[in-house]
Amino acid sequence: MGYAIALVFGYLLGSIPFGLLITRAAGLGDVRKIGSGNIGATNVLRTGNKGLAAATLLLDALKGTAAALIAGHFSPDFGLLAGFGAFLGHLFPVWLGFKGGKGVATYLGVLIGLAWQGMLVFAVVWLAMAFLFRYSSLAALAAAVVVPIALYFISTPQIAGLFAVMSLIVIIKHRANISRLLAGTEGKIGAKG
């Protein structure tokens, strides 16, 4: 029963659509109608408002961190499940017809909550790729590939396994971005759209 409660708790926390709520509160309308149509920070950045994008990134990450830490207080397994639930909640929020973001910020938040060292690996890879190529999607994909491998060496097998699954989901959620990257039509970081 505790496992189900941890998963549902994480899911409900993760399903809060901060990108949509923040842009609407700022009078910018529905962020799903611009750019990629997602509710995450990268698409919020396409409104031209860096502050709102940063707030979205922070809040989307914090919901993953909070889920993992709060549930993890009761059991490490509960922390894993709640973190995974928060990730799934961001991807498939019940309030938005199960159409959410791509999960990168929440993935990062769960990483901070469960294995903060992995967050450093993620940040270094993401920043290097973003600086070199200016594609948020490519940077996220590269970091998602590297993190589970790093976690295998610096964390527990359970955490490494969880992030291998989450990384696979992140890659699947980015399949349209991968197609655009290959076609040379992917939007660069900071481009309005």
Protein backbone atom coordinates (compact mmCIF):
# COMPACT_ATOMS: atom_id res chain seq x y z
CA MET A 1 0.00 0.00 0.00
CA GLY A 2 2.82 2.40 0.86
CA TYR A 3 4.36 1.84 -2.56
CA ALA A 4 1.14 2.83 -4.32
CA ILE A 5 0.74 5.90 -2.10
CA ALA A 6 4.32 7.00 -2.87
CA LEU A 7 3.76 6.60 -6.61
CA VAL A 8 0.43 8.46 -6.59
CA PHE A 9 1.83 11.21 -4.33
CA GLY A 10 4.72 11.72 -6.74
CA TYR A 11 2.43 11.64 -9.76
CA LEU A 12 0.08 14.29 -8.37
CA LEU A 13 2.97 16.56 -7.41
CA GLY A 14 4.63 16.07 -10.78
CA SER A 15 1.42 16.74 -12.70
CA ILE A 16 1.26 20.42 -11.63
CA PRO A 17 1.74 22.23 -14.99
CA PHE A 18 3.88 25.14 -13.81
CA GLY A 19 4.85 26.31 -17.34
CA LEU A 20 1.20 26.68 -18.30
CA LEU A 21 0.19 28.28 -14.99
CA ILE A 22 3.08 30.77 -14.98
CA THR A 23 2.62 31.94 -18.59
CA ARG A 24 -1.13 32.34 -18.11
CA ALA A 25 -0.62 34.28 -14.87
CA ALA A 26 1.82 36.56 -16.72
CA GLY A 27 -0.80 37.27 -19.38
CA LEU A 28 1.05 35.42 -22.13
CA GLY A 29 -1.77 33.00 -22.89
CA ASP A 30 -1.41 29.27 -23.46
CA VAL A 31 2.24 28.22 -23.88
CA ARG A 32 1.00 25.09 -25.67
CA LYS A 33 0.12 27.28 -28.67
CA ILE A 34 3.70 28.32 -29.45
CA GLY A 35 6.93 26.57 -30.40
CA SER A 36 6.89 22.86 -29.62
CA GLY A 37 3.53 23.08 -27.84
CA ASN A 38 5.01 21.72 -24.62
CA ILE A 39 4.61 23.11 -21.10
CA GLY A 40 8.30 22.98 -20.17
CA ALA A 41 10.93 25.66 -19.64
CA THR A 42 12.43 25.46 -23.14
CA ASN A 43 9.08 26.28 -24.70
CA VAL A 44 8.35 28.98 -22.10
CA LEU A 45 11.68 30.54 -23.15
CA ARG A 46 10.20 30.89 -26.65
CA THR A 47 7.84 33.52 -25.24
CA GLY A 48 10.95 35.69 -24.93
CA ASN A 49 10.65 35.89 -21.16
CA LYS A 50 13.79 34.42 -19.59
CA GLY A 51 12.54 34.99 -16.06
CA LEU A 52 9.40 32.93 -16.63
CA ALA A 53 11.46 30.20 -18.28
CA ALA A 54 13.83 30.10 -15.31
CA ALA A 55 10.89 29.96 -12.87
CA THR A 56 9.35 27.11 -14.86
CA LEU A 57 12.64 25.21 -14.88
CA LEU A 58 13.07 25.68 -11.13
CA LEU A 59 9.51 24.71 -10.21
CA ASP A 60 9.43 21.71 -12.56
CA ALA A 61 12.69 20.50 -11.04
CA LEU A 62 11.59 21.16 -7.46
CA LYS A 63 8.47 19.04 -7.80
CA GLY A 64 10.69 16.06 -8.64
CA THR A 65 13.10 16.85 -5.81
CA ALA A 66 10.27 17.32 -3.30
CA ALA A 67 8.58 14.06 -4.26
CA ALA A 68 11.81 12.05 -3.93
CA LEU A 69 12.88 13.67 -0.64
CA ILE A 70 9.51 13.64 1.11
CA ALA A 71 8.71 10.02 0.25
CA GLY A 72 12.34 9.01 0.72
CA HIS A 73 12.08 10.20 4.32
CA PHE A 74 9.89 7.15 4.95
CA SER A 75 11.80 4.64 2.80
CA PRO A 76 14.44 4.76 0.03
CA ASP A 77 12.12 2.66 -2.13
CA PHE A 78 9.29 5.16 -1.59
CA GLY A 79 11.67 7.92 -2.68
CA LEU A 80 12.43 6.07 -5.92
CA LEU A 81 8.75 5.47 -6.63
CA ALA A 82 7.65 9.02 -5.78
CA GLY A 83 10.43 10.46 -7.94
CA PHE A 84 9.38 8.25 -10.84
CA GLY A 85 5.76 9.20 -10.21
CA ALA A 86 6.64 12.91 -10.35
CA PHE A 87 8.45 12.36 -13.64
CA LEU A 88 5.43 10.51 -15.09
CA GLY A 89 3.09 13.17 -13.73
CA HIS A 90 4.97 15.88 -15.59
CA LEU A 91 4.92 13.86 -18.81
CA PHE A 92 1.29 12.77 -18.53
CA PRO A 93 -0.65 15.20 -16.29
CA VAL A 94 -4.24 14.15 -15.72
CA TRP A 95 -5.32 17.82 -15.73
CA LEU A 96 -4.13 18.36 -19.33
CA GLY A 97 -5.47 15.20 -20.96
CA PHE A 98 -2.17 13.41 -20.21
CA LYS A 99 -0.27 15.78 -22.54
CA GLY A 100 2.59 17.35 -20.61
CA GLY A 101 6.22 18.27 -21.02
CA LYS A 102 9.21 16.19 -21.99
CA GLY A 103 10.36 15.71 -18.44
CA VAL A 104 13.92 17.01 -18.48
CA ALA A 105 13.57 19.50 -15.61
CA THR A 106 11.63 17.03 -13.47
CA TYR A 107 14.19 14.34 -14.33
CA LEU A 108 16.86 16.72 -13.07
CA GLY A 109 14.88 17.43 -9.92
CA VAL A 110 14.49 13.74 -9.14
CA LEU A 111 18.21 13.35 -9.78
CA ILE A 112 18.96 16.07 -7.21
CA GLY A 113 16.71 14.33 -4.71
CA LEU A 114 18.13 10.83 -5.19
CA ALA A 115 21.74 11.24 -6.35
CA TRP A 116 22.90 14.85 -6.41
CA GLN A 117 26.29 13.86 -7.87
CA GLY A 118 24.47 12.75 -11.02
CA MET A 119 23.03 16.24 -11.30
CA LEU A 120 26.57 17.58 -11.64
CA VAL A 121 27.24 15.10 -14.46
CA PHE A 122 23.99 16.13 -16.15
CA ALA A 123 24.79 19.83 -15.79
CA VAL A 124 28.30 19.52 -17.24
CA VAL A 125 27.13 17.49 -20.25
CA TRP A 126 24.08 19.69 -20.86
CA LEU A 127 26.02 22.95 -20.61
CA ALA A 128 28.82 21.71 -22.86
CA MET A 129 26.43 20.48 -25.54
CA ALA A 130 24.21 23.58 -25.31
CA PHE A 131 27.24 25.87 -25.59
CA LEU A 132 28.64 23.97 -28.56
CA PHE A 133 25.45 23.37 -30.54
CA ARG A 134 22.72 25.70 -29.09
CA TYR A 135 20.10 22.95 -29.11
CA SER A 136 18.38 22.28 -25.78
CA SER A 137 17.02 18.96 -27.04
CA LEU A 138 20.43 17.69 -28.13
CA ALA A 139 21.97 18.75 -24.83
CA ALA A 140 19.22 16.98 -22.87
CA LEU A 141 19.53 13.81 -24.95
CA ALA A 142 23.30 13.66 -24.50
CA ALA A 143 22.98 14.20 -20.74
CA ALA A 144 20.24 11.55 -20.52
CA VAL A 145 22.55 9.01 -22.15
CA VAL A 146 25.52 9.81 -19.90
CA VAL A 147 23.76 10.07 -16.52
CA PRO A 148 22.68 6.41 -16.04
CA ILE A 149 26.18 5.26 -16.97
CA ALA A 150 27.71 7.65 -14.44
CA LEU A 151 25.19 6.60 -11.79
CA TYR A 152 26.20 2.98 -12.26
CA PHE A 153 29.61 3.94 -10.88
CA ILE A 154 28.67 6.60 -8.31
CA SER A 155 25.31 5.46 -6.93
CA THR A 156 23.20 2.37 -6.25
CA PRO A 157 22.06 -0.13 -8.90
CA GLN A 158 18.43 0.81 -8.12
CA ILE A 159 19.02 4.50 -8.80
CA ALA A 160 21.07 3.77 -11.93
CA GLY A 161 18.30 1.45 -13.15
CA LEU A 162 15.58 4.00 -12.48
CA PHE A 163 17.46 6.65 -14.45
CA ALA A 164 18.13 4.24 -17.30
CA VAL A 165 14.34 3.81 -17.62
CA MET A 166 13.72 7.55 -17.24
CA SER A 167 16.42 8.35 -19.81
CA LEU A 168 14.82 5.97 -22.29
CA ILE A 169 11.48 7.73 -21.78
CA VAL A 170 13.14 11.15 -22.24
CA ILE A 171 14.66 9.95 -25.52
CA ILE A 172 11.29 8.60 -26.72
CA LYS A 173 9.57 11.88 -25.77
CA HIS A 174 12.17 13.72 -27.86
CA ARG A 175 11.62 11.67 -31.03
CA ALA A 176 10.15 14.66 -32.90
CA ASN A 177 13.15 16.75 -31.82
CA ILE A 178 15.49 14.02 -33.05
CA SER A 179 13.77 14.12 -36.45
CA ARG A 180 14.09 17.92 -36.57
CA LEU A 181 17.75 17.75 -35.51
CA LEU A 182 18.46 15.32 -38.33
CA ALA A 183 16.56 17.54 -40.77
CA GLY A 184 18.29 20.72 -39.55
CA THR A 185 14.99 22.37 -38.56
CA GLU A 186 15.19 22.17 -34.76
CA GLY A 187 14.80 25.52 -32.97
CA LYS A 188 17.89 26.80 -31.22
CA ILE A 189 18.04 27.97 -27.60
CA GLY A 190 16.59 31.46 -27.22
CA ALA A 191 14.78 31.47 -30.57
CA LYS A 192 11.24 32.82 -30.38
CA GLY A 193 8.61 30.79 -31.97
